[in-house]
Amino acid sequence: MDSTLEIRKRIHDFIDIADERILRIINSIIDAEEQEDNYPAVPDWHYDVVNERREKYISGESKSYTWEEVKEKAKSALK
């Protein structure tokens, strides 16, 4: 059986060439899924990652950067 990653790639590739009928069907599936009570806007695992990173920041185990520092680091990495 295909892995989740392989399925995602196959679907992405298919959507790029799908006709309007297929796109409307997929869109309807998404609409129906979003109406479900248990449809997560943000997956639970994401909250876990954010909380873990927050704890590391509070304990001084990790450092944060200003937006200006981030931009400078990105520019430096491109040189």
N, C-alpha and C. Protein backbone atom coordinates (compact mmCIF):
# COMPACT_ATOMS: atom_id res chain seq x y z
N MET A 1 0.84 -1.19 0.00
CA MET A 1 0.00 0.00 0.00
C MET A 1 0.88 1.25 0.00
N ASP A 2 0.42 2.26 -0.66
CA ASP A 2 1.18 3.51 -0.74
C ASP A 2 1.24 4.20 0.62
N SER A 3 2.34 4.89 0.87
CA SER A 3 2.46 5.67 2.10
C SER A 3 1.63 6.95 1.94
N THR A 4 1.39 7.60 3.05
CA THR A 4 0.64 8.86 3.01
C THR A 4 1.32 9.87 2.11
N LEU A 5 2.63 9.92 2.19
CA LEU A 5 3.40 10.86 1.36
C LEU A 5 3.21 10.56 -0.13
N GLU A 6 3.24 9.27 -0.48
CA GLU A 6 3.05 8.89 -1.88
C GLU A 6 1.63 9.22 -2.35
N ILE A 7 0.66 9.01 -1.49
CA ILE A 7 -0.73 9.32 -1.83
C ILE A 7 -0.89 10.83 -2.05
N ARG A 8 -0.31 11.61 -1.14
CA ARG A 8 -0.39 13.08 -1.28
C ARG A 8 0.22 13.53 -2.61
N LYS A 9 1.39 13.00 -2.93
CA LYS A 9 2.05 13.39 -4.17
C LYS A 9 1.19 13.01 -5.37
N ARG A 10 0.64 11.81 -5.34
CA ARG A 10 -0.20 11.37 -6.46
C ARG A 10 -1.41 12.28 -6.63
N ILE A 11 -2.04 12.63 -5.51
CA ILE A 11 -3.21 13.52 -5.57
C ILE A 11 -2.81 14.89 -6.09
N HIS A 12 -1.70 15.44 -5.58
CA HIS A 12 -1.23 16.75 -6.06
C HIS A 12 -0.98 16.72 -7.56
N ASP A 13 -0.30 15.68 -8.02
CA ASP A 13 -0.01 15.56 -9.45
C ASP A 13 -1.30 15.46 -10.26
N PHE A 14 -2.25 14.68 -9.75
CA PHE A 14 -3.52 14.49 -10.45
C PHE A 14 -4.32 15.79 -10.53
N ILE A 15 -4.36 16.53 -9.43
CA ILE A 15 -5.13 17.78 -9.39
C ILE A 15 -4.60 18.78 -10.41
N ASP A 16 -3.30 18.78 -10.62
CA ASP A 16 -2.71 19.71 -11.58
C ASP A 16 -3.24 19.50 -13.00
N ILE A 17 -3.72 18.30 -13.32
CA ILE A 17 -4.22 18.03 -14.67
C ILE A 17 -5.72 17.70 -14.71
N ALA A 18 -6.37 17.73 -13.55
CA ALA A 18 -7.78 17.33 -13.47
C ALA A 18 -8.69 18.33 -14.19
N ASP A 19 -9.79 17.81 -14.71
CA ASP A 19 -10.75 18.70 -15.34
C ASP A 19 -11.69 19.30 -14.27
N GLU A 20 -12.54 20.22 -14.70
CA GLU A 20 -13.39 20.95 -13.76
C GLU A 20 -14.31 20.02 -12.97
N ARG A 21 -14.83 18.98 -13.60
CA ARG A 21 -15.74 18.05 -12.92
C ARG A 21 -15.05 17.41 -11.71
N ILE A 22 -13.85 16.93 -11.92
CA ILE A 22 -13.10 16.29 -10.83
C ILE A 22 -12.78 17.31 -9.74
N LEU A 23 -12.38 18.51 -10.13
CA LEU A 23 -12.06 19.54 -9.15
C LEU A 23 -13.29 19.89 -8.30
N ARG A 24 -14.47 19.94 -8.93
CA ARG A 24 -15.69 20.22 -8.18
C ARG A 24 -16.02 19.08 -7.21
N ILE A 25 -15.79 17.84 -7.63
CA ILE A 25 -16.02 16.70 -6.74
C ILE A 25 -15.08 16.77 -5.53
N ILE A 26 -13.82 17.01 -5.78
CA ILE A 26 -12.85 17.10 -4.69
C ILE A 26 -13.19 18.27 -3.78
N ASN A 27 -13.59 19.38 -4.36
CA ASN A 27 -13.98 20.54 -3.57
C ASN A 27 -15.18 20.22 -2.68
N SER A 28 -16.12 19.46 -3.19
CA SER A 28 -17.29 19.06 -2.39
C SER A 28 -16.88 18.16 -1.23
N ILE A 29 -15.94 17.28 -1.48
CA ILE A 29 -15.44 16.41 -0.40
C ILE A 29 -14.79 17.26 0.69
N ILE A 30 -14.01 18.24 0.28
CA ILE A 30 -13.36 19.13 1.25
C ILE A 30 -14.41 19.89 2.04
N ASP A 31 -15.41 20.44 1.35
CA ASP A 31 -16.50 21.16 2.03
C ASP A 31 -17.18 20.29 3.07
N ALA A 32 -17.49 19.05 2.69
CA ALA A 32 -18.16 18.13 3.62
C ALA A 32 -17.27 17.82 4.81
N GLU A 33 -16.00 17.63 4.57
CA GLU A 33 -15.06 17.32 5.65
C GLU A 33 -14.93 18.49 6.62
N GLU A 34 -14.92 19.70 6.09
CA GLU A 34 -14.80 20.89 6.94
C GLU A 34 -16.03 21.11 7.81
N GLN A 35 -17.16 20.55 7.41
CA GLN A 35 -18.39 20.69 8.18
C GLN A 35 -18.44 19.73 9.38
N GLU A 36 -17.57 18.74 9.38
CA GLU A 36 -17.54 17.77 10.48
C GLU A 36 -17.10 18.46 11.77
N ASP A 37 -17.71 18.06 12.87
CA ASP A 37 -17.37 18.65 14.17
C ASP A 37 -15.93 18.39 14.57
N ASN A 38 -15.41 17.27 14.17
CA ASN A 38 -14.04 16.93 14.57
C ASN A 38 -12.99 17.38 13.56
N TYR A 39 -13.37 18.20 12.61
CA TYR A 39 -12.41 18.68 11.61
C TYR A 39 -11.44 19.65 12.29
N PRO A 40 -10.18 19.32 12.36
CA PRO A 40 -9.24 20.21 13.05
C PRO A 40 -8.76 21.33 12.15
N ALA A 41 -8.88 22.55 12.63
CA ALA A 41 -8.31 23.67 11.90
C ALA A 41 -6.78 23.59 11.99
N VAL A 42 -6.31 23.18 13.16
CA VAL A 42 -4.89 22.96 13.38
C VAL A 42 -4.76 21.59 14.03
N PRO A 43 -3.94 20.71 13.49
CA PRO A 43 -3.82 19.38 14.07
C PRO A 43 -3.26 19.43 15.48
N ASP A 44 -3.65 18.49 16.32
CA ASP A 44 -3.19 18.44 17.71
C ASP A 44 -1.69 18.36 17.83
N TRP A 45 -1.04 17.61 16.91
CA TRP A 45 0.41 17.47 17.00
C TRP A 45 1.11 18.82 16.87
N HIS A 46 0.47 19.75 16.15
CA HIS A 46 1.08 21.06 15.97
C HIS A 46 1.13 21.81 17.31
N TYR A 47 0.05 21.71 18.09
CA TYR A 47 0.03 22.32 19.41
C TYR A 47 1.13 21.73 20.29
N ASP A 48 1.34 20.42 20.17
CA ASP A 48 2.39 19.77 20.95
C ASP A 48 3.76 20.33 20.60
N VAL A 49 4.02 20.52 19.32
CA VAL A 49 5.31 21.08 18.88
C VAL A 49 5.47 22.51 19.39
N VAL A 50 4.42 23.30 19.27
CA VAL A 50 4.49 24.70 19.73
C VAL A 50 4.74 24.74 21.24
N ASN A 51 4.04 23.91 22.01
CA ASN A 51 4.24 23.89 23.46
C ASN A 51 5.65 23.45 23.84
N GLU A 52 6.17 22.46 23.12
CA GLU A 52 7.53 22.00 23.38
C GLU A 52 8.54 23.11 23.11
N ARG A 53 8.37 23.81 22.00
CA ARG A 53 9.28 24.91 21.67
C ARG A 53 9.15 26.06 22.67
N ARG A 54 7.92 26.31 23.11
CA ARG A 54 7.68 27.37 24.10
C ARG A 54 8.41 27.05 25.40
N GLU A 55 8.30 25.80 25.85
CA GLU A 55 8.98 25.38 27.07
C GLU A 55 10.48 25.54 26.94
N LYS A 56 11.03 25.20 25.80
CA LYS A 56 12.47 25.36 25.58
C LYS A 56 12.86 26.83 25.62
N TYR A 57 12.01 27.69 25.07
CA TYR A 57 12.29 29.13 25.09
C TYR A 57 12.25 29.67 26.52
N ILE A 58 11.20 29.29 27.26
CA ILE A 58 11.03 29.77 28.64
C ILE A 58 12.21 29.33 29.51
N SER A 59 12.67 28.09 29.31
CA SER A 59 13.76 27.56 30.13
C SER A 59 15.14 28.09 29.70
N GLY A 60 15.18 28.84 28.60
CA GLY A 60 16.44 29.37 28.10
C GLY A 60 17.21 28.38 27.25
N GLU A 61 16.57 27.25 26.95
CA GLU A 61 17.21 26.20 26.16
C GLU A 61 17.30 26.57 24.67
N SER A 62 16.45 27.49 24.23
CA SER A 62 16.49 27.92 22.83
C SER A 62 16.43 29.44 22.77
N LYS A 63 16.83 29.97 21.67
CA LYS A 63 16.89 31.42 21.48
C LYS A 63 15.84 31.85 20.46
N SER A 64 15.36 33.04 20.61
CA SER A 64 14.45 33.58 19.59
C SER A 64 15.15 34.73 18.88
N TYR A 65 14.61 35.10 17.75
CA TYR A 65 15.22 36.14 16.92
C TYR A 65 14.15 37.15 16.53
N THR A 66 14.59 38.39 16.35
CA THR A 66 13.67 39.41 15.82
C THR A 66 13.49 39.15 14.33
N TRP A 67 12.48 39.75 13.76
CA TRP A 67 12.24 39.60 12.33
C TRP A 67 13.43 40.14 11.54
N GLU A 68 14.01 41.24 12.01
CA GLU A 68 15.17 41.81 11.33
C GLU A 68 16.36 40.85 11.35
N GLU A 69 16.58 40.17 12.49
CA GLU A 69 17.66 39.19 12.58
C GLU A 69 17.43 38.02 11.61
N VAL A 70 16.19 37.58 11.53
CA VAL A 70 15.84 36.49 10.64
C VAL A 70 16.12 36.88 9.19
N LYS A 71 15.71 38.08 8.80
CA LYS A 71 15.95 38.54 7.43
C LYS A 71 17.45 38.63 7.13
N GLU A 72 18.22 39.13 8.08
CA GLU A 72 19.66 39.23 7.88
C GLU A 72 20.31 37.85 7.74
N LYS A 73 19.89 36.91 8.57
CA LYS A 73 20.43 35.55 8.47
C LYS A 73 20.09 34.93 7.11
N ALA A 74 18.87 35.17 6.64
CA ALA A 74 18.46 34.62 5.34
C ALA A 74 19.28 35.24 4.22
N LYS A 75 19.48 36.55 4.29
CA LYS A 75 20.28 37.22 3.26
C LYS A 75 21.72 36.72 3.27
N SER A 76 22.27 36.53 4.47
CA SER A 76 23.63 36.04 4.59
C SER A 76 23.78 34.63 4.03
N ALA A 77 22.77 33.82 4.22
CA ALA A 77 22.82 32.44 3.75
C ALA A 77 22.81 32.37 2.23
N LEU A 78 22.26 33.39 1.58
CA LEU A 78 22.20 33.40 0.12
C LEU A 78 23.48 33.89 -0.53
N LYS A 79 24.37 34.48 0.25
CA LYS A 79 25.62 35.01 -0.32
C LYS A 79 26.63 33.95 -0.57
